[in-house]
Amino acid sequence: MRPTLGRYPELAKLAKERIAGAQLVEFPELGHAPQMQDPAAFHKALLEGMAVGSKSP
């Protein structure tokens, strides 16, 4: 586990591939806490993702 710590962009893409129906939303200009750094962008992405997810069978 330790060799993978800190490689979060890579791990996020891997998690998306392995979780059926997962979406990956990246905020490259933000750091570890996009929900606090840009709440409007975070909430927009969150609500859009929830809306898409609610349409799935």
Protein backbone atom coordinates (compact mmCIF):
# COMPACT_ATOMS: atom_id res chain seq x y z
CA MET A 1 0.00 0.00 0.00
CA ARG A 2 2.71 2.49 0.93
CA PRO A 3 4.23 2.70 -2.60
CA THR A 4 0.87 3.94 -3.93
CA LEU A 5 0.32 6.67 -1.31
CA GLY A 6 0.37 10.12 -2.84
CA ARG A 7 -0.34 9.01 -6.41
CA TYR A 8 -3.95 10.11 -6.12
CA PRO A 9 -4.62 11.14 -9.74
CA GLU A 10 -3.45 7.71 -10.89
CA LEU A 11 -5.36 5.93 -8.13
CA ALA A 12 -8.53 7.89 -8.89
CA LYS A 13 -8.45 6.78 -12.53
CA LEU A 14 -7.87 3.18 -11.46
CA ALA A 15 -10.77 3.33 -8.99
CA LYS A 16 -13.05 4.73 -11.72
CA GLU A 17 -12.13 1.84 -14.01
CA ARG A 18 -12.81 -0.74 -11.32
CA ILE A 19 -16.10 0.63 -9.95
CA ALA A 20 -19.01 -0.02 -12.27
CA GLY A 21 -20.85 3.17 -13.19
CA ALA A 22 -18.32 5.42 -11.45
CA GLN A 23 -17.59 8.89 -12.72
CA LEU A 24 -14.38 10.80 -12.10
CA VAL A 25 -14.60 14.55 -11.79
CA GLU A 26 -11.22 16.24 -11.59
CA PHE A 27 -10.47 19.74 -10.39
CA PRO A 28 -6.87 20.13 -11.59
CA GLU A 29 -6.60 23.73 -10.42
CA LEU A 30 -7.64 22.82 -6.87
CA GLY A 31 -5.97 20.88 -4.12
CA HIS A 32 -7.12 18.26 -1.63
CA ALA A 33 -10.40 19.94 -0.63
CA PRO A 34 -12.24 21.22 -3.70
CA GLN A 35 -15.49 21.35 -1.71
CA MET A 36 -13.93 24.14 0.39
CA GLN A 37 -11.70 25.77 -2.24
CA ASP A 38 -14.44 26.21 -4.85
CA PRO A 39 -17.78 25.21 -3.34
CA ALA A 40 -19.79 26.39 -6.36
CA ALA A 41 -17.84 24.23 -8.84
CA PHE A 42 -17.87 21.27 -6.46
CA HIS A 43 -21.61 21.44 -5.83
CA LYS A 44 -22.34 21.87 -9.53
CA ALA A 45 -20.35 18.71 -10.33
CA LEU A 46 -21.92 16.86 -7.41
CA LEU A 47 -25.49 17.73 -8.40
CA GLU A 48 -24.82 16.91 -12.07
CA GLY A 49 -23.38 13.55 -11.06
CA MET A 50 -26.32 12.80 -8.80
CA ALA A 51 -28.77 13.70 -11.57
CA VAL A 52 -27.02 11.35 -14.00
CA GLY A 53 -26.88 8.61 -11.37
CA SER A 54 -30.59 8.91 -10.60
CA LYS A 55 -31.41 8.17 -14.25
CA SER A 56 -29.56 4.84 -14.20
CA PRO A 57 -31.66 1.67 -13.94
